[in-house]
Amino acid sequence: MIQHYEQVSENVCQTCRFFGISRSRFYVWLGRYRETGVEGPRNGPRGPRVSPYRIPPEIEAPILHFRTECQYRAVRLSDFLKRYHQVFVSAP
């Protein structure tokens, strides 16, 4: 795809239309290609580095404990943590 851009079209919009990808994705791959060469676009990360919705470890430990020891399901576990530990965690 990058060879097509550099050798054939020299136009990002045409190249993206031809391969059916977004321009933002093309520029990500082009940056990786320029940094690390041919293997750059293949070995990049596939997801976010940090999830903004991840539960902190100090809350995750009691959840795992009560989930395994007491066999609490999601709704009951959420109510239990809210009532006795003043921690709000949504059931889903």
PDB file of N, CA and C in Angstrom:
ATOM      1  N   MET A   1       0.826  -1.183   0.000  1.00  0.00           N
ATOM      2  CA  MET A   1       0.000   0.000   0.000  1.00  0.00           C
ATOM      3  C   MET A   1       0.875   1.254   0.000  1.00  0.00           C
ATOM      4  N   ILE A   2       1.897   1.249   0.827  1.00  0.00           N
ATOM      5  CA  ILE A   2       2.783   2.412   0.883  1.00  0.00           C
ATOM      6  C   ILE A   2       3.609   2.503  -0.402  1.00  0.00           C
ATOM      7  N   GLN A   3       3.994   1.361  -0.947  1.00  0.00           N
ATOM      8  CA  GLN A   3       4.693   1.373  -2.240  1.00  0.00           C
ATOM      9  C   GLN A   3       3.788   1.933  -3.335  1.00  0.00           C
ATOM     10  N   HIS A   4       2.522   1.586  -3.298  1.00  0.00           N
ATOM     11  CA  HIS A   4       1.555   2.122  -4.264  1.00  0.00           C
ATOM     12  C   HIS A   4       1.496   3.641  -4.140  1.00  0.00           C
ATOM     13  N   TYR A   5       1.460   4.120  -2.925  1.00  0.00           N
ATOM     14  CA  TYR A   5       1.420   5.563  -2.676  1.00  0.00           C
ATOM     15  C   TYR A   5       2.678   6.243  -3.205  1.00  0.00           C
ATOM     16  N   GLU A   6       3.856   5.665  -2.884  1.00  0.00           N
ATOM     17  CA  GLU A   6       5.109   6.312  -3.248  1.00  0.00           C
ATOM     18  C   GLU A   6       5.432   6.198  -4.738  1.00  0.00           C
ATOM     19  N   GLN A   7       5.087   5.066  -5.363  1.00  0.00           N
ATOM     20  CA  GLN A   7       5.521   4.822  -6.735  1.00  0.00           C
ATOM     21  C   GLN A   7       4.452   5.093  -7.792  1.00  0.00           C
ATOM     22  N   VAL A   8       3.182   4.892  -7.446  1.00  0.00           N
ATOM     23  CA  VAL A   8       2.138   4.978  -8.464  1.00  0.00           C
ATOM     24  C   VAL A   8       1.362   6.286  -8.371  1.00  0.00           C
ATOM     25  N   SER A   9       0.652   6.472  -7.271  1.00  0.00           N
ATOM     26  CA  SER A   9      -0.297   7.587  -7.248  1.00  0.00           C
ATOM     27  C   SER A   9       0.264   8.876  -6.653  1.00  0.00           C
ATOM     28  N   GLU A  10       1.083   8.776  -5.628  1.00  0.00           N
ATOM     29  CA  GLU A  10       1.578   9.926  -4.877  1.00  0.00           C
ATOM     30  C   GLU A  10       0.433  10.796  -4.367  1.00  0.00           C
ATOM     31  N   ASN A  11      -0.712  10.167  -4.148  1.00  0.00           N
ATOM     32  CA  ASN A  11      -1.898  10.865  -3.655  1.00  0.00           C
ATOM     33  C   ASN A  11      -2.522  10.005  -2.560  1.00  0.00           C
ATOM     34  N   VAL A  12      -2.596  10.542  -1.351  1.00  0.00           N
ATOM     35  CA  VAL A  12      -3.089   9.776  -0.211  1.00  0.00           C
ATOM     36  C   VAL A  12      -4.555   9.405  -0.389  1.00  0.00           C
ATOM     37  N   CYS A  13      -5.388  10.336  -0.833  1.00  0.00           N
ATOM     38  CA  CYS A  13      -6.824  10.057  -0.979  1.00  0.00           C
ATOM     39  C   CYS A  13      -7.074   8.931  -1.979  1.00  0.00           C
ATOM     40  N   GLN A  14      -6.396   8.974  -3.112  1.00  0.00           N
ATOM     41  CA  GLN A  14      -6.584   7.927  -4.111  1.00  0.00           C
ATOM     42  C   GLN A  14      -6.110   6.578  -3.595  1.00  0.00           C
ATOM     43  N   THR A  15      -4.982   6.563  -2.912  1.00  0.00           N
ATOM     44  CA  THR A  15      -4.461   5.311  -2.364  1.00  0.00           C
ATOM     45  C   THR A  15      -5.419   4.735  -1.333  1.00  0.00           C
ATOM     46  N   CYS A  16      -5.937   5.575  -0.452  1.00  0.00           N
ATOM     47  CA  CYS A  16      -6.864   5.099   0.582  1.00  0.00           C
ATOM     48  C   CYS A  16      -8.161   4.579  -0.039  1.00  0.00           C
ATOM     49  N   ARG A  17      -8.666   5.267  -1.037  1.00  0.00           N
ATOM     50  CA  ARG A  17      -9.863   4.787  -1.730  1.00  0.00           C
ATOM     51  C   ARG A  17      -9.601   3.451  -2.416  1.00  0.00           C
ATOM     52  N   PHE A  18      -8.450   3.327  -3.038  1.00  0.00           N
ATOM     53  CA  PHE A  18      -8.101   2.108  -3.757  1.00  0.00           C
ATOM     54  C   PHE A  18      -8.033   0.908  -2.813  1.00  0.00           C
ATOM     55  N   PHE A  19      -7.442   1.096  -1.613  1.00  0.00           N
ATOM     56  CA  PHE A  19      -7.291   0.000  -0.660  1.00  0.00           C
ATOM     57  C   PHE A  19      -8.438  -0.081   0.343  1.00  0.00           C
ATOM     58  N   GLY A  20      -9.315   0.901   0.358  1.00  0.00           N
ATOM     59  CA  GLY A  20     -10.477   0.865   1.246  1.00  0.00           C
ATOM     60  C   GLY A  20     -10.149   1.083   2.705  1.00  0.00           C
ATOM     61  N   ILE A  21      -9.239   2.005   3.000  1.00  0.00           N
ATOM     62  CA  ILE A  21      -8.901   2.315   4.388  1.00  0.00           C
ATOM     63  C   ILE A  21      -9.068   3.812   4.621  1.00  0.00           C
ATOM     64  N   SER A  22      -9.067   4.205   5.881  1.00  0.00           N
ATOM     65  CA  SER A  22      -9.192   5.630   6.200  1.00  0.00           C
ATOM     66  C   SER A  22      -7.823   6.308   6.085  1.00  0.00           C
ATOM     67  N   ARG A  23      -7.868   7.615   5.894  1.00  0.00           N
ATOM     68  CA  ARG A  23      -6.614   8.360   5.800  1.00  0.00           C
ATOM     69  C   ARG A  23      -5.863   8.363   7.115  1.00  0.00           C
ATOM     70  N   SER A  24      -6.597   8.414   8.235  1.00  0.00           N
ATOM     71  CA  SER A  24      -5.913   8.400   9.529  1.00  0.00           C
ATOM     72  C   SER A  24      -5.156   7.089   9.722  1.00  0.00           C
ATOM     73  N   ARG A  25      -5.751   5.960   9.327  1.00  0.00           N
ATOM     74  CA  ARG A  25      -5.077   4.666   9.425  1.00  0.00           C
ATOM     75  C   ARG A  25      -3.848   4.653   8.511  1.00  0.00           C
ATOM     76  N   PHE A  26      -3.985   5.219   7.315  1.00  0.00           N
ATOM     77  CA  PHE A  26      -2.855   5.277   6.386  1.00  0.00           C
ATOM     78  C   PHE A  26      -1.690   6.045   7.003  1.00  0.00           C
ATOM     79  N   TYR A  27      -1.979   7.191   7.623  1.00  0.00           N
ATOM     80  CA  TYR A  27      -0.907   7.989   8.197  1.00  0.00           C
ATOM     81  C   TYR A  27      -0.252   7.288   9.393  1.00  0.00           C
ATOM     82  N   VAL A  28      -1.023   6.510  10.144  1.00  0.00           N
ATOM     83  CA  VAL A  28      -0.434   5.718  11.235  1.00  0.00           C
ATOM     84  C   VAL A  28       0.551   4.717  10.655  1.00  0.00           C
ATOM     85  N   TRP A  29       0.128   3.988   9.624  1.00  0.00           N
ATOM     86  CA  TRP A  29       1.004   2.994   8.999  1.00  0.00           C
ATOM     87  C   TRP A  29       2.203   3.646   8.327  1.00  0.00           C
ATOM     88  N   LEU A  30       2.004   4.801   7.704  1.00  0.00           N
ATOM     89  CA  LEU A  30       3.105   5.504   7.062  1.00  0.00           C
ATOM     90  C   LEU A  30       4.144   5.944   8.097  1.00  0.00           C
ATOM     91  N   GLY A  31       3.690   6.426   9.240  1.00  0.00           N
ATOM     92  CA  GLY A  31       4.615   6.809  10.311  1.00  0.00           C
ATOM     93  C   GLY A  31       5.414   5.628  10.825  1.00  0.00           C
ATOM     94  N   ARG A  32       4.742   4.494  11.024  1.00  0.00           N
ATOM     95  CA  ARG A  32       5.450   3.286  11.463  1.00  0.00           C
ATOM     96  C   ARG A  32       6.445   2.825  10.403  1.00  0.00           C
ATOM     97  N   TYR A  33       6.048   2.921   9.142  1.00  0.00           N
ATOM     98  CA  TYR A  33       6.934   2.514   8.046  1.00  0.00           C
ATOM     99  C   TYR A  33       8.183   3.378   8.018  1.00  0.00           C
ATOM    100  N   ARG A  34       8.028   4.663   8.212  1.00  0.00           N
ATOM    101  CA  ARG A  34       9.174   5.569   8.188  1.00  0.00           C
ATOM    102  C   ARG A  34      10.070   5.403   9.407  1.00  0.00           C
ATOM    103  N   GLU A  35       9.493   5.002  10.542  1.00  0.00           N
ATOM    104  CA  GLU A  35      10.289   4.799  11.759  1.00  0.00           C
ATOM    105  C   GLU A  35      11.069   3.494  11.738  1.00  0.00           C
ATOM    106  N   THR A  36      10.397   2.401  11.350  1.00  0.00           N
ATOM    107  CA  THR A  36      11.015   1.083  11.516  1.00  0.00           C
ATOM    108  C   THR A  36      11.178   0.303  10.223  1.00  0.00           C
ATOM    109  N   GLY A  37      10.753   0.834   9.116  1.00  0.00           N
ATOM    110  CA  GLY A  37      10.930   0.123   7.854  1.00  0.00           C
ATOM    111  C   GLY A  37       9.736  -0.747   7.510  1.00  0.00           C
ATOM    112  N   VAL A  38      10.002  -1.777   6.728  1.00  0.00           N
ATOM    113  CA  VAL A  38       8.937  -2.619   6.178  1.00  0.00           C
ATOM    114  C   VAL A  38       8.140  -3.336   7.266  1.00  0.00           C
ATOM    115  N   GLU A  39       8.781  -3.770   8.321  1.00  0.00           N
ATOM    116  CA  GLU A  39       8.093  -4.518   9.382  1.00  0.00           C
ATOM    117  C   GLU A  39       7.292  -3.624  10.324  1.00  0.00           C
ATOM    118  N   GLY A  40       7.461  -2.329  10.261  1.00  0.00           N
ATOM    119  CA  GLY A  40       6.792  -1.396  11.175  1.00  0.00           C
ATOM    120  C   GLY A  40       5.280  -1.497  11.195  1.00  0.00           C
ATOM    121  N   PRO A  41       4.604  -1.416  10.038  1.00  0.00           N
ATOM    122  CA  PRO A  41       3.136  -1.476  10.058  1.00  0.00           C
ATOM    123  C   PRO A  41       2.589  -2.822  10.532  1.00  0.00           C
ATOM    124  N   ARG A  42       3.340  -3.879  10.383  1.00  0.00           N
ATOM    125  CA  ARG A  42       2.852  -5.202  10.784  1.00  0.00           C
ATOM    126  C   ARG A  42       2.926  -5.430  12.282  1.00  0.00           C
ATOM    127  N   ASN A  43       3.910  -4.850  12.943  1.00  0.00           N
ATOM    128  CA  ASN A  43       4.156  -5.146  14.350  1.00  0.00           C
ATOM    129  C   ASN A  43       3.653  -4.087  15.313  1.00  0.00           C
ATOM    130  N   GLY A  44       2.778  -3.221  14.887  1.00  0.00           N
ATOM    131  CA  GLY A  44       2.284  -2.165  15.758  1.00  0.00           C
ATOM    132  C   GLY A  44       1.264  -2.683  16.756  1.00  0.00           C
ATOM    133  N   PRO A  45       0.973  -1.895  17.776  1.00  0.00           N
ATOM    134  CA  PRO A  45      -0.030  -2.310  18.761  1.00  0.00           C
ATOM    135  C   PRO A  45      -1.421  -2.370  18.134  1.00  0.00           C
ATOM    136  N   ARG A  46      -2.242  -3.292  18.607  1.00  0.00           N
ATOM    137  CA  ARG A  46      -3.556  -3.487  18.034  1.00  0.00           C
ATOM    138  C   ARG A  46      -4.672  -2.866  18.863  1.00  0.00           C
ATOM    139  N   GLY A  47      -4.365  -2.357  20.021  1.00  0.00           N
ATOM    140  CA  GLY A  47      -5.400  -1.783  20.860  1.00  0.00           C
ATOM    141  C   GLY A  47      -4.863  -0.636  21.686  1.00  0.00           C
ATOM    142  N   PRO A  48      -5.704  -0.082  22.537  1.00  0.00           N
ATOM    143  CA  PRO A  48      -5.252   1.025  23.370  1.00  0.00           C
ATOM    144  C   PRO A  48      -4.233   0.558  24.397  1.00  0.00           C
ATOM    145  N   ARG A  49      -3.330   1.434  24.768  1.00  0.00           N
ATOM    146  CA  ARG A  49      -2.314   1.077  25.760  1.00  0.00           C
ATOM    147  C   ARG A  49      -2.910   0.958  27.153  1.00  0.00           C
ATOM    148  N   VAL A  50      -3.829   1.852  27.480  1.00  0.00           N
ATOM    149  CA  VAL A  50      -4.459   1.846  28.793  1.00  0.00           C
ATOM    150  C   VAL A  50      -5.955   2.039  28.601  1.00  0.00           C
ATOM    151  N   SER A  51      -6.739   1.207  29.255  1.00  0.00           N
ATOM    152  CA  SER A  51      -8.181   1.358  29.173  1.00  0.00           C
ATOM    153  C   SER A  51      -8.632   2.418  30.169  1.00  0.00           C
ATOM    154  N   PRO A  52      -9.396   3.410  29.731  1.00  0.00           N
ATOM    155  CA  PRO A  52      -9.831   4.447  30.665  1.00  0.00           C
ATOM    156  C   PRO A  52     -10.867   3.948  31.666  1.00  0.00           C
ATOM    157  N   TYR A  53     -11.462   2.796  31.427  1.00  0.00           N
ATOM    158  CA  TYR A  53     -12.510   2.279  32.304  1.00  0.00           C
ATOM    159  C   TYR A  53     -12.033   1.132  33.188  1.00  0.00           C
ATOM    160  N   ARG A  54     -10.747   0.897  33.240  1.00  0.00           N
ATOM    161  CA  ARG A  54     -10.217  -0.199  34.043  1.00  0.00           C
ATOM    162  C   ARG A  54     -10.450   0.081  35.525  1.00  0.00           C
ATOM    163  N   ILE A  55     -10.813  -0.967  36.243  1.00  0.00           N
ATOM    164  CA  ILE A  55     -11.042  -0.854  37.685  1.00  0.00           C
ATOM    165  C   ILE A  55      -9.685  -0.840  38.376  1.00  0.00           C
ATOM    166  N   PRO A  56      -9.466   0.077  39.324  1.00  0.00           N
ATOM    167  CA  PRO A  56      -8.182   0.136  40.028  1.00  0.00           C
ATOM    168  C   PRO A  56      -7.903  -1.163  40.792  1.00  0.00           C
ATOM    169  N   PRO A  57      -6.631  -1.519  40.953  1.00  0.00           N
ATOM    170  CA  PRO A  57      -6.276  -2.779  41.626  1.00  0.00           C
ATOM    171  C   PRO A  57      -6.803  -2.885  43.053  1.00  0.00           C
ATOM    172  N   GLU A  58      -6.889  -1.753  43.782  1.00  0.00           N
ATOM    173  CA  GLU A  58      -7.381  -1.826  45.169  1.00  0.00           C
ATOM    174  C   GLU A  58      -8.875  -2.132  45.233  1.00  0.00           C
ATOM    175  N   ILE A  59      -9.592  -1.929  44.148  1.00  0.00           N
ATOM    176  CA  ILE A  59     -11.009  -2.310  44.083  1.00  0.00           C
ATOM    177  C   ILE A  59     -11.161  -3.682  43.430  1.00  0.00           C
ATOM    178  N   GLU A  60     -10.261  -3.998  42.527  1.00  0.00           N
ATOM    179  CA  GLU A  60     -10.330  -5.280  41.822  1.00  0.00           C
ATOM    180  C   GLU A  60     -10.099  -6.460  42.764  1.00  0.00           C
ATOM    181  N   ALA A  61      -9.204  -6.315  43.731  1.00  0.00           N
ATOM    182  CA  ALA A  61      -8.891  -7.413  44.657  1.00  0.00           C
ATOM    183  C   ALA A  61     -10.119  -7.858  45.457  1.00  0.00           C
ATOM    184  N   PRO A  62     -10.882  -6.943  46.095  1.00  0.00           N
ATOM    185  CA  PRO A  62     -12.082  -7.406  46.805  1.00  0.00           C
ATOM    186  C   PRO A  62     -13.128  -8.014  45.867  1.00  0.00           C
ATOM    187  N   ILE A  63     -13.237  -7.490  44.655  1.00  0.00           N
ATOM    188  CA  ILE A  63     -14.202  -8.049  43.705  1.00  0.00           C
ATOM    189  C   ILE A  63     -13.858  -9.497  43.413  1.00  0.00           C
ATOM    190  N   LEU A  64     -12.604  -9.760  43.127  1.00  0.00           N
ATOM    191  CA  LEU A  64     -12.195 -11.134  42.833  1.00  0.00           C
ATOM    192  C   LEU A  64     -12.349 -12.033  44.047  1.00  0.00           C
ATOM    193  N   HIS A  65     -12.045 -11.495  45.229  1.00  0.00           N
ATOM    194  CA  HIS A  65     -12.184 -12.285  46.457  1.00  0.00           C
ATOM    195  C   HIS A  65     -13.638 -12.696  46.692  1.00  0.00           C
ATOM    196  N   PHE A  66     -14.549 -11.730  46.679  1.00  0.00           N
ATOM    197  CA  PHE A  66     -15.954 -12.037  46.934  1.00  0.00           C
ATOM    198  C   PHE A  66     -16.578 -12.846  45.803  1.00  0.00           C
ATOM    199  N   ARG A  67     -16.069 -12.672  44.616  1.00  0.00           N
ATOM    200  CA  ARG A  67     -16.589 -13.430  43.470  1.00  0.00           C
ATOM    201  C   ARG A  67     -16.247 -14.914  43.606  1.00  0.00           C
ATOM    202  N   THR A  68     -15.038 -15.222  44.063  1.00  0.00           N
ATOM    203  CA  THR A  68     -14.624 -16.622  44.169  1.00  0.00           C
ATOM    204  C   THR A  68     -15.028 -17.251  45.506  1.00  0.00           C
ATOM    205  N   GLU A  69     -14.832 -16.538  46.610  1.00  0.00           N
ATOM    206  CA  GLU A  69     -15.109 -17.118  47.923  1.00  0.00           C
ATOM    207  C   GLU A  69     -16.597 -17.196  48.243  1.00  0.00           C
ATOM    208  N   CYS A  70     -17.338 -16.148  47.953  1.00  0.00           N
ATOM    209  CA  CYS A  70     -18.756 -16.083  48.317  1.00  0.00           C
ATOM    210  C   CYS A  70     -19.680 -16.444  47.166  1.00  0.00           C
ATOM    211  N   GLN A  71     -19.134 -16.617  45.972  1.00  0.00           N
ATOM    212  CA  GLN A  71     -19.920 -16.965  44.784  1.00  0.00           C
ATOM    213  C   GLN A  71     -20.992 -15.919  44.466  1.00  0.00           C
ATOM    214  N   TYR A  72     -20.675 -14.647  44.731  1.00  0.00           N
ATOM    215  CA  TYR A  72     -21.620 -13.581  44.422  1.00  0.00           C
ATOM    216  C   TYR A  72     -21.630 -13.325  42.914  1.00  0.00           C
ATOM    217  N   ARG A  73     -22.817 -13.081  42.383  1.00  0.00           N
ATOM    218  CA  ARG A  73     -22.948 -12.706  40.982  1.00  0.00           C
ATOM    219  C   ARG A  73     -22.839 -11.190  40.850  1.00  0.00           C
ATOM    220  N   ALA A  74     -22.965 -10.664  39.645  1.00  0.00           N
ATOM    221  CA  ALA A  74     -22.668  -9.260  39.370  1.00  0.00           C
ATOM    222  C   ALA A  74     -23.536  -8.280  40.156  1.00  0.00           C
ATOM    223  N   VAL A  75     -24.847  -8.450  40.130  1.00  0.00           N
ATOM    224  CA  VAL A  75     -25.740  -7.489  40.794  1.00  0.00           C
ATOM    225  C   VAL A  75     -25.561  -7.540  42.302  1.00  0.00           C
ATOM    226  N   ARG A  76     -25.515  -8.739  42.867  1.00  0.00           N
ATOM    227  CA  ARG A  76     -25.352  -8.868  44.311  1.00  0.00           C
ATOM    228  C   ARG A  76     -23.985  -8.339  44.757  1.00  0.00           C
ATOM    229  N   LEU A  77     -22.962  -8.605  43.961  1.00  0.00           N
ATOM    230  CA  LEU A  77     -21.631  -8.118  44.289  1.00  0.00           C
ATOM    231  C   LEU A  77     -21.582  -6.592  44.248  1.00  0.00           C
ATOM    232  N   SER A  78     -22.231  -5.999  43.269  1.00  0.00           N
ATOM    233  CA  SER A  78     -22.280  -4.545  43.177  1.00  0.00           C
ATOM    234  C   SER A  78     -22.990  -3.945  44.394  1.00  0.00           C
ATOM    235  N   ASP A  79     -24.129  -4.519  44.775  1.00  0.00           N
ATOM    236  CA  ASP A  79     -24.862  -4.037  45.950  1.00  0.00           C
ATOM    237  C   ASP A  79     -24.053  -4.218  47.231  1.00  0.00           C
ATOM    238  N   PHE A  80     -23.382  -5.359  47.359  1.00  0.00           N
ATOM    239  CA  PHE A  80     -22.582  -5.660  48.539  1.00  0.00           C
ATOM    240  C   PHE A  80     -21.437  -4.652  48.697  1.00  0.00           C
ATOM    241  N   LEU A  81     -20.734  -4.389  47.616  1.00  0.00           N
ATOM    242  CA  LEU A  81     -19.623  -3.438  47.691  1.00  0.00           C
ATOM    243  C   LEU A  81     -20.103  -2.020  47.985  1.00  0.00           C
ATOM    244  N   LYS A  82     -21.243  -1.648  47.422  1.00  0.00           N
ATOM    245  CA  LYS A  82     -21.773  -0.314  47.677  1.00  0.00           C
ATOM    246  C   LYS A  82     -22.211  -0.171  49.137  1.00  0.00           C
ATOM    247  N   ARG A  83     -22.866  -1.195  49.672  1.00  0.00           N
ATOM    248  CA  ARG A  83     -23.407  -1.117  51.019  1.00  0.00           C
ATOM    249  C   ARG A  83     -22.334  -1.222  52.102  1.00  0.00           C
ATOM    250  N   TYR A  84     -21.407  -2.155  51.987  1.00  0.00           N
ATOM    251  CA  TYR A  84     -20.470  -2.420  53.077  1.00  0.00           C
ATOM    252  C   TYR A  84     -19.072  -1.845  52.881  1.00  0.00           C
ATOM    253  N   HIS A  85     -18.718  -1.490  51.654  1.00  0.00           N
ATOM    254  CA  HIS A  85     -17.381  -0.989  51.412  1.00  0.00           C
ATOM    255  C   HIS A  85     -17.381   0.399  50.768  1.00  0.00           C
ATOM    256  N   GLN A  86     -18.558   0.996  50.574  1.00  0.00           N
ATOM    257  CA  GLN A  86     -18.704   2.333  50.002  1.00  0.00           C
ATOM    258  C   GLN A  86     -17.954   2.463  48.654  1.00  0.00           C
ATOM    259  N   VAL A  87     -18.040   1.417  47.851  1.00  0.00           N
ATOM    260  CA  VAL A  87     -17.438   1.394  46.521  1.00  0.00           C
ATOM    261  C   VAL A  87     -18.534   1.159  45.516  1.00  0.00           C
ATOM    262  N   PHE A  88     -18.668   2.051  44.544  1.00  0.00           N
ATOM    263  CA  PHE A  88     -19.673   1.862  43.509  1.00  0.00           C
ATOM    264  C   PHE A  88     -19.035   1.242  42.275  1.00  0.00           C
ATOM    265  N   VAL A  89     -19.551   0.083  41.896  1.00  0.00           N
ATOM    266  CA  VAL A  89     -19.131  -0.610  40.677  1.00  0.00           C
ATOM    267  C   VAL A  89     -20.418  -1.019  39.984  1.00  0.00           C
ATOM    268  N   SER A  90     -20.565  -0.674  38.711  1.00  0.00           N
ATOM    269  CA  SER A  90     -21.776  -1.060  38.004  1.00  0.00           C
ATOM    270  C   SER A  90     -21.812  -2.567  37.837  1.00  0.00           C
ATOM    271  N   ALA A  91     -22.999  -3.116  37.843  1.00  0.00           N
ATOM    272  CA  ALA A  91     -23.163  -4.560  37.731  1.00  0.00           C
ATOM    273  C   ALA A  91     -22.615  -5.136  36.421  1.00  0.00           C
ATOM    274  N   PRO A  92     -22.862  -4.496  35.300  1.00  0.00           N
ATOM    275  CA  PRO A  92     -22.319  -5.077  34.062  1.00  0.00           C
ATOM    276  C   PRO A  92     -20.813  -5.104  34.053  1.00  0.00           C
TER     277      PRO A  92
END
